[in-house]
Protein backbone atom coordinates (compact mmCIF):
# COMPACT_ATOMS: atom_id res chain seq x y z
CA MET A 1 29.63 16.95 11.57
CA THR A 2 27.94 15.74 14.75
CA PRO A 3 26.58 12.19 14.41
CA ARG A 4 22.81 11.87 14.45
CA PRO A 5 21.23 9.91 17.31
CA TYR A 6 20.55 6.23 16.77
CA VAL A 7 17.12 5.13 15.54
CA ASP A 8 14.68 3.96 18.20
CA PRO A 9 15.19 0.15 18.52
CA TYR A 10 11.45 -0.55 18.48
CA LEU A 11 11.03 1.42 15.27
CA ALA A 12 14.03 -0.40 13.77
CA GLY A 13 12.49 -3.75 14.80
CA VAL A 14 9.20 -2.90 13.10
CA GLY A 15 11.15 -1.82 10.01
CA LEU A 16 13.11 -5.08 9.97
CA GLY A 17 9.86 -7.03 10.29
CA LEU A 18 8.39 -5.15 7.32
CA VAL A 19 11.53 -5.85 5.27
CA LEU A 20 11.24 -9.54 6.14
CA LEU A 21 7.55 -9.54 5.15
CA ALA A 22 8.41 -7.83 1.86
CA CYS A 23 11.14 -10.43 1.20
CA PHE A 24 8.70 -13.29 1.68
CA ALA A 25 6.03 -11.56 -0.40
CA LEU A 26 8.25 -10.46 -3.28
CA SER A 27 10.86 -13.22 -3.52
CA GLY A 28 9.37 -16.14 -1.63
CA GLN A 29 12.53 -16.28 0.50
CA GLY A 30 13.47 -14.95 3.91
CA LEU A 31 16.55 -13.12 5.14
CA GLY A 32 19.95 -14.66 5.80
CA ALA A 33 23.58 -14.00 4.97
CA SER A 34 25.87 -17.01 5.35
CA GLY A 35 24.71 -18.65 2.12
CA ALA A 36 25.97 -15.66 0.14
CA PHE A 37 29.55 -16.20 1.26
CA ALA A 38 29.34 -19.92 0.47
CA THR A 39 27.87 -19.16 -2.96
CA VAL A 40 30.55 -16.61 -3.85
CA ALA A 41 33.37 -18.87 -2.61
CA ASN A 42 31.92 -21.86 -4.43
CA HIS A 43 31.58 -20.07 -7.75
CA ALA A 44 35.03 -18.48 -7.41
CA VAL A 45 36.60 -21.92 -6.89
CA GLY A 46 34.52 -23.36 -9.73
CA SER A 47 35.54 -20.55 -12.07
CA PHE A 48 39.20 -20.89 -11.11
CA THR A 49 39.31 -24.69 -11.49
CA GLY A 50 36.83 -24.96 -14.36
CA ASN A 51 35.00 -27.71 -12.47
CA ALA A 52 31.35 -27.56 -13.63
CA TRP A 53 30.11 -29.60 -10.65
CA VAL A 54 31.64 -27.16 -8.15
CA GLN A 55 30.42 -24.18 -10.17
CA GLY A 56 26.85 -25.49 -10.33
CA TYR A 57 26.68 -26.79 -6.75
CA LEU A 58 24.61 -23.86 -5.53
CA SER A 59 21.93 -22.64 -7.90
CA GLY A 60 21.67 -18.99 -8.83
CA GLY A 61 25.35 -18.24 -9.10
CA TRP A 62 26.55 -14.68 -8.65
CA ALA A 63 22.98 -13.37 -9.00
CA SER A 64 21.45 -15.65 -6.36
CA TRP A 65 19.06 -14.04 -3.89
CA MET A 66 21.47 -14.10 -0.95
CA VAL A 67 24.38 -12.60 -2.88
CA VAL A 68 22.19 -9.72 -4.08
CA GLU A 69 20.74 -9.36 -0.56
CA VAL A 70 24.15 -9.12 1.12
CA GLY A 71 25.31 -6.65 -1.53
CA GLY A 72 22.26 -4.52 -0.68
CA VAL A 73 22.99 -4.80 3.04
CA ILE A 74 26.57 -3.58 2.52
CA LEU A 75 25.43 -0.71 0.29
CA GLY A 76 22.57 0.22 2.65
CA ALA A 77 24.78 0.12 5.73
CA GLY A 78 27.35 2.37 4.08
CA LEU A 79 24.70 4.84 2.94
CA SER A 80 23.05 4.85 6.34
CA ALA A 81 26.36 5.41 8.15
CA TRP A 82 27.25 8.23 5.75
CA ARG A 83 23.86 9.96 6.19
CA ALA A 84 24.06 9.65 9.99
CA GLY A 85 27.63 11.01 10.11
CA ARG A 86 28.99 7.71 11.45
CA LEU A 87 30.95 6.47 8.44
CA VAL A 88 34.31 7.03 10.16
CA THR A 89 34.79 6.34 13.82
CA ARG A 90 36.40 9.07 15.88
CA ARG A 91 37.41 6.80 18.73
CA ALA A 92 40.90 5.70 19.51
CA PRO A 93 41.92 2.29 18.18
CA ALA A 94 40.46 -0.61 20.14
CA PRO A 95 42.73 -2.40 22.62
CA ARG A 96 44.29 -5.58 21.26
CA GLY A 97 42.25 -7.77 23.60
CA ARG A 98 38.99 -6.35 22.27
CA LEU A 99 40.06 -6.75 18.65
CA ALA A 100 41.21 -10.33 19.26
CA ALA A 101 37.93 -11.17 21.02
CA ALA A 102 35.89 -9.64 18.17
CA VAL A 103 37.84 -11.51 15.47
CA THR A 104 37.68 -14.78 17.42
CA GLY A 105 33.95 -14.36 17.96
CA GLY A 106 33.40 -13.62 14.28
CA VAL A 107 35.38 -16.66 13.18
CA LEU A 108 33.51 -18.90 15.64
CA MET A 109 30.14 -17.54 14.47
CA GLY A 110 31.12 -18.13 10.84
CA PHE A 111 32.28 -21.67 11.62
CA GLY A 112 29.06 -22.33 13.53
CA ALA A 113 26.99 -21.00 10.63
CA ALA A 114 28.79 -23.34 8.25
CA LEU A 115 28.19 -26.32 10.56
CA ALA A 116 24.54 -25.38 11.05
CA ARG A 117 24.06 -24.68 7.32
CA GLY A 118 22.71 -21.24 8.10
CA CYS A 119 23.31 -18.09 10.08
CA THR A 120 21.74 -16.55 13.13
CA SER A 121 19.87 -13.94 11.13
CA GLY A 122 18.37 -16.51 8.80
CA LEU A 123 17.41 -18.83 11.63
CA ALA A 124 16.12 -16.17 14.01
CA LEU A 125 14.36 -13.91 11.53
CA SER A 126 13.17 -16.26 8.82
CA GLY A 127 12.79 -19.40 10.95
CA GLY A 128 11.31 -17.54 13.90
CA SER A 129 8.78 -15.73 11.72
CA LEU A 130 7.68 -19.11 10.35
CA LEU A 131 7.26 -20.32 13.96
CA SER A 132 9.93 -22.99 13.59
CA VAL A 133 10.42 -24.69 16.96
CA GLY A 134 14.14 -25.16 16.26
CA ALA A 135 14.55 -21.43 15.59
CA TRP A 136 12.88 -20.47 18.86
CA VAL A 137 14.88 -23.01 20.88
CA PHE A 138 18.07 -21.74 19.26
CA MET A 139 17.26 -18.08 20.00
CA ILE A 140 16.46 -18.82 23.66
CA ALA A 141 19.77 -20.71 23.96
CA LEU A 142 21.65 -17.91 22.16
CA PHE A 143 20.31 -15.19 24.46
CA ALA A 144 20.93 -17.32 27.55
CA ALA A 145 24.53 -17.94 26.46
CA GLY A 146 24.97 -14.22 25.77
CA PHE A 147 23.73 -13.25 29.21
CA LEU A 148 26.01 -15.83 30.84
CA ALA A 149 29.08 -14.80 28.82
CA ALA A 150 28.58 -11.01 29.10
CA PRO A 151 30.00 -10.63 32.63
CA LEU A 152 33.07 -12.68 31.67
CA LEU A 153 33.83 -10.54 28.60
CA ARG A 154 32.74 -7.15 29.95
CA ARG A 155 36.28 -6.13 30.91
CA LEU A 156 37.26 -6.13 27.22
CA TRP A 157 34.74 -3.36 26.52
CA ALA A 158 35.40 -1.20 29.59
């Protein structure tokens, strides 16, 4: 099966904005992902140790908004990839340098999200839509850093 073309990025941006608006309207909360991983890890440790304080540290437990949201993102991404014929990549395995850079970048982003007590998506989408000055300063700095780092890392994606 030939993969379908990607969705127009402007249309996808409008769709994401409408999803964010629906999240605020229906749940009173914005989008974000890093809290889900902290919630699941926290409740797993609490369940394993039997420590009620650890288990109750984050409210909502397994059914908290972010855990359900991330579950929906995983399910939706899989469904979307399957419908577009992109569920399995047909490319050769990535060079080791690219894989190492991707894993290192992911670990650093996760560590940064833990230090910042939130992730890029939550800060940029939810904070930016609420006109938070910190969110806008962060996004400008993030894009500037990306533009500066891109030429240095380009050879890994050639």
